[in-house]
Every structure is written in C-alpha cells, then in structure tokens.
Amino acid sequence: MVDFDLKLFLIPVGLALAFMLWVIWALEKEIRRDQRHSDAIARAKAGSDRPAPNSAAPDEHRSGPGGF
C-alpha cells in the first residue's frame, strides 16, 4: 500500500501534469488552426492580386557588380 503522505503528493502532481498536457494539446491545436487559416489567406491572395513573375525583371536585391 502506498504511504498516505505519498498519496497526498502524487494526486496533485498527477492533476497538474494532466492539466499541463491538456494546455499543450490545446495550444498545438490552435497553432495548427491558425496556420491553416494563414495558408488559406495566402493562397487566396496569390491567386487574385499578384501579377505573374517576369523573368526579365532585374534583381533589386543586388547592391553592386559583385553582388555584395
């Protein structure tokens, strides 16, 4: 049989661990939902307001002849 003092310690620790796992699960679920929402918005924007990329356009990120 488990000592009474050990029971008084393990019950709150078990409850705290269960609560922490539930919080982590809920946060991961929310992150996945937000990511799907962001992806849907990005797909909608990519199809409507952006022109097709032009391969003849100069690269604006280069700062000099060496590209440095």
N, C-alpha and C. Protein backbone atom coordinates (compact mmCIF):
# COMPACT_ATOMS: atom_id res chain seq x y z
N MET A 1 0.85 -1.18 0.00
CA MET A 1 0.00 0.00 0.00
C MET A 1 0.89 1.24 0.00
N VAL A 2 0.45 2.24 -0.69
CA VAL A 2 1.21 3.49 -0.79
C VAL A 2 1.03 4.28 0.50
N ASP A 3 2.11 4.83 0.97
CA ASP A 3 2.08 5.65 2.16
C ASP A 3 1.13 6.83 1.97
N PHE A 4 0.43 7.23 3.03
CA PHE A 4 -0.55 8.31 2.95
C PHE A 4 0.07 9.62 2.50
N ASP A 5 1.29 9.93 2.97
CA ASP A 5 1.95 11.18 2.58
C ASP A 5 2.29 11.18 1.09
N LEU A 6 2.65 10.02 0.58
CA LEU A 6 2.97 9.92 -0.84
C LEU A 6 1.72 10.12 -1.69
N LYS A 7 0.58 9.62 -1.24
CA LYS A 7 -0.69 9.84 -1.95
C LYS A 7 -1.02 11.34 -2.00
N LEU A 8 -0.82 12.02 -0.90
CA LEU A 8 -1.11 13.45 -0.85
C LEU A 8 -0.20 14.23 -1.79
N PHE A 9 0.96 13.67 -2.09
CA PHE A 9 1.88 14.32 -3.02
C PHE A 9 1.53 13.96 -4.47
N LEU A 10 1.25 12.69 -4.74
CA LEU A 10 1.06 12.23 -6.11
C LEU A 10 -0.26 12.69 -6.73
N ILE A 11 -1.30 12.81 -5.95
CA ILE A 11 -2.60 13.22 -6.52
C ILE A 11 -2.51 14.63 -7.11
N PRO A 12 -2.03 15.66 -6.39
CA PRO A 12 -1.93 16.99 -7.00
C PRO A 12 -0.93 17.03 -8.16
N VAL A 13 0.17 16.27 -8.06
CA VAL A 13 1.16 16.25 -9.14
C VAL A 13 0.55 15.63 -10.39
N GLY A 14 -0.21 14.57 -10.23
CA GLY A 14 -0.88 13.94 -11.36
C GLY A 14 -1.90 14.87 -12.01
N LEU A 15 -2.65 15.58 -11.19
CA LEU A 15 -3.62 16.54 -11.73
C LEU A 15 -2.92 17.68 -12.47
N ALA A 16 -1.83 18.16 -11.90
CA ALA A 16 -1.07 19.24 -12.56
C ALA A 16 -0.49 18.76 -13.88
N LEU A 17 0.02 17.55 -13.91
CA LEU A 17 0.57 17.01 -15.15
C LEU A 17 -0.52 16.85 -16.20
N ALA A 18 -1.67 16.36 -15.81
CA ALA A 18 -2.79 16.21 -16.75
C ALA A 18 -3.20 17.58 -17.30
N PHE A 19 -3.25 18.58 -16.44
CA PHE A 19 -3.63 19.93 -16.89
C PHE A 19 -2.59 20.50 -17.85
N MET A 20 -1.30 20.29 -17.55
CA MET A 20 -0.25 20.79 -18.45
C MET A 20 -0.34 20.12 -19.82
N LEU A 21 -0.57 18.82 -19.85
CA LEU A 21 -0.71 18.12 -21.12
C LEU A 21 -1.92 18.62 -21.90
N TRP A 22 -3.02 18.90 -21.21
CA TRP A 22 -4.21 19.42 -21.88
C TRP A 22 -3.94 20.81 -22.47
N VAL A 23 -3.22 21.67 -21.73
CA VAL A 23 -2.89 23.01 -22.22
C VAL A 23 -2.00 22.92 -23.45
N ILE A 24 -0.99 22.05 -23.41
CA ILE A 24 -0.10 21.88 -24.56
C ILE A 24 -0.88 21.39 -25.77
N TRP A 25 -1.78 20.43 -25.58
CA TRP A 25 -2.61 19.91 -26.68
C TRP A 25 -3.47 21.03 -27.27
N ALA A 26 -4.10 21.83 -26.40
CA ALA A 26 -4.96 22.91 -26.88
C ALA A 26 -4.16 23.96 -27.65
N LEU A 27 -2.96 24.29 -27.18
CA LEU A 27 -2.13 25.28 -27.87
C LEU A 27 -1.69 24.76 -29.24
N GLU A 28 -1.30 23.49 -29.32
CA GLU A 28 -0.91 22.93 -30.61
C GLU A 28 -2.08 22.91 -31.58
N LYS A 29 -3.26 22.61 -31.08
CA LYS A 29 -4.46 22.61 -31.91
C LYS A 29 -4.73 24.02 -32.45
N GLU A 30 -4.59 25.02 -31.61
CA GLU A 30 -4.81 26.41 -32.01
C GLU A 30 -3.76 26.85 -33.03
N ILE A 31 -2.51 26.45 -32.85
CA ILE A 31 -1.45 26.80 -33.79
C ILE A 31 -1.74 26.19 -35.15
N ARG A 32 -2.15 24.92 -35.18
CA ARG A 32 -2.47 24.27 -36.46
C ARG A 32 -3.64 24.96 -37.15
N ARG A 33 -4.66 25.36 -36.37
CA ARG A 33 -5.82 26.05 -36.94
C ARG A 33 -5.41 27.40 -37.52
N ASP A 34 -4.58 28.14 -36.80
CA ASP A 34 -4.12 29.44 -37.29
C ASP A 34 -3.25 29.29 -38.53
N GLN A 35 -2.44 28.24 -38.57
CA GLN A 35 -1.59 28.02 -39.74
C GLN A 35 -2.43 27.69 -40.97
N ARG A 36 -3.45 26.85 -40.80
CA ARG A 36 -4.33 26.54 -41.93
C ARG A 36 -5.06 27.79 -42.41
N HIS A 37 -5.46 28.64 -41.47
CA HIS A 37 -6.14 29.88 -41.83
C HIS A 37 -5.20 30.81 -42.60
N SER A 38 -3.96 30.93 -42.13
CA SER A 38 -2.97 31.77 -42.82
C SER A 38 -2.66 31.24 -44.21
N ASP A 39 -2.55 29.92 -44.34
CA ASP A 39 -2.29 29.32 -45.65
C ASP A 39 -3.44 29.58 -46.61
N ALA A 40 -4.66 29.51 -46.12
CA ALA A 40 -5.82 29.77 -46.97
C ALA A 40 -5.83 31.22 -47.44
N ILE A 41 -5.48 32.14 -46.56
CA ILE A 41 -5.43 33.56 -46.94
C ILE A 41 -4.32 33.78 -47.96
N ALA A 42 -3.17 33.15 -47.76
CA ALA A 42 -2.05 33.31 -48.69
C ALA A 42 -2.41 32.76 -50.07
N ARG A 43 -3.09 31.62 -50.10
CA ARG A 43 -3.49 31.05 -51.40
C ARG A 43 -4.49 31.97 -52.10
N ALA A 44 -5.39 32.55 -51.34
CA ALA A 44 -6.38 33.45 -51.94
C ALA A 44 -5.71 34.70 -52.49
N LYS A 45 -4.75 35.25 -51.76
CA LYS A 45 -4.05 36.43 -52.23
C LYS A 45 -3.19 36.12 -53.45
N ALA A 46 -2.53 34.99 -53.45
CA ALA A 46 -1.63 34.64 -54.55
C ALA A 46 -2.41 34.48 -55.85
N GLY A 47 -3.63 34.07 -55.76
CA GLY A 47 -4.42 33.88 -56.98
C GLY A 47 -5.09 35.13 -57.48
N SER A 48 -5.21 36.17 -56.65
CA SER A 48 -6.01 37.31 -57.07
C SER A 48 -5.22 38.58 -57.33
N ASP A 49 -4.36 39.01 -56.43
CA ASP A 49 -3.75 40.33 -56.64
C ASP A 49 -2.33 40.36 -57.16
N ARG A 50 -1.69 39.27 -57.33
CA ARG A 50 -0.29 39.33 -57.75
C ARG A 50 -0.14 39.00 -59.22
N PRO A 51 0.61 39.84 -59.95
CA PRO A 51 0.85 39.53 -61.36
C PRO A 51 1.85 38.37 -61.48
N ALA A 52 1.88 37.79 -62.64
CA ALA A 52 2.82 36.70 -62.88
C ALA A 52 4.25 37.24 -62.80
N PRO A 53 5.18 36.48 -62.24
CA PRO A 53 6.56 36.96 -62.15
C PRO A 53 7.19 37.08 -63.54
N ASN A 54 7.97 38.14 -63.72
CA ASN A 54 8.60 38.40 -65.00
C ASN A 54 10.08 38.04 -64.87
N SER A 55 10.54 37.11 -65.67
CA SER A 55 11.92 36.65 -65.55
C SER A 55 12.91 37.69 -66.11
N ALA A 56 12.43 38.64 -66.89
CA ALA A 56 13.32 39.66 -67.46
C ALA A 56 13.54 40.83 -66.50
N ALA A 57 12.82 40.87 -65.40
CA ALA A 57 12.96 41.98 -64.45
C ALA A 57 14.30 41.87 -63.73
N PRO A 58 14.99 43.00 -63.51
CA PRO A 58 16.27 42.96 -62.81
C PRO A 58 16.09 42.60 -61.34
N ASP A 59 17.10 41.97 -60.78
CA ASP A 59 17.08 41.61 -59.38
C ASP A 59 17.41 42.85 -58.55
N GLU A 60 16.50 43.29 -57.72
CA GLU A 60 16.69 44.54 -56.96
C GLU A 60 17.48 44.32 -55.68
N HIS A 61 17.80 43.10 -55.34
CA HIS A 61 18.49 42.84 -54.08
C HIS A 61 20.00 42.95 -54.19
N ARG A 62 20.51 43.06 -55.34
CA ARG A 62 21.96 43.18 -55.50
C ARG A 62 22.38 44.63 -55.27
N SER A 63 23.52 44.80 -54.63
CA SER A 63 23.94 46.16 -54.31
C SER A 63 25.08 46.64 -55.18
N GLY A 64 25.72 45.76 -55.88
CA GLY A 64 26.84 46.20 -56.70
C GLY A 64 27.19 45.16 -57.75
N PRO A 65 28.28 45.39 -58.48
CA PRO A 65 28.63 44.47 -59.55
C PRO A 65 29.00 43.07 -59.03
N GLY A 66 29.53 43.01 -57.83
CA GLY A 66 29.90 41.72 -57.26
C GLY A 66 28.74 41.03 -56.54
N GLY A 67 27.65 41.72 -56.37
CA GLY A 67 26.51 41.18 -55.66
C GLY A 67 26.66 41.20 -54.16
N PHE A 68 27.59 42.02 -53.65
CA PHE A 68 27.81 42.06 -52.20
C PHE A 68 27.06 43.19 -51.57
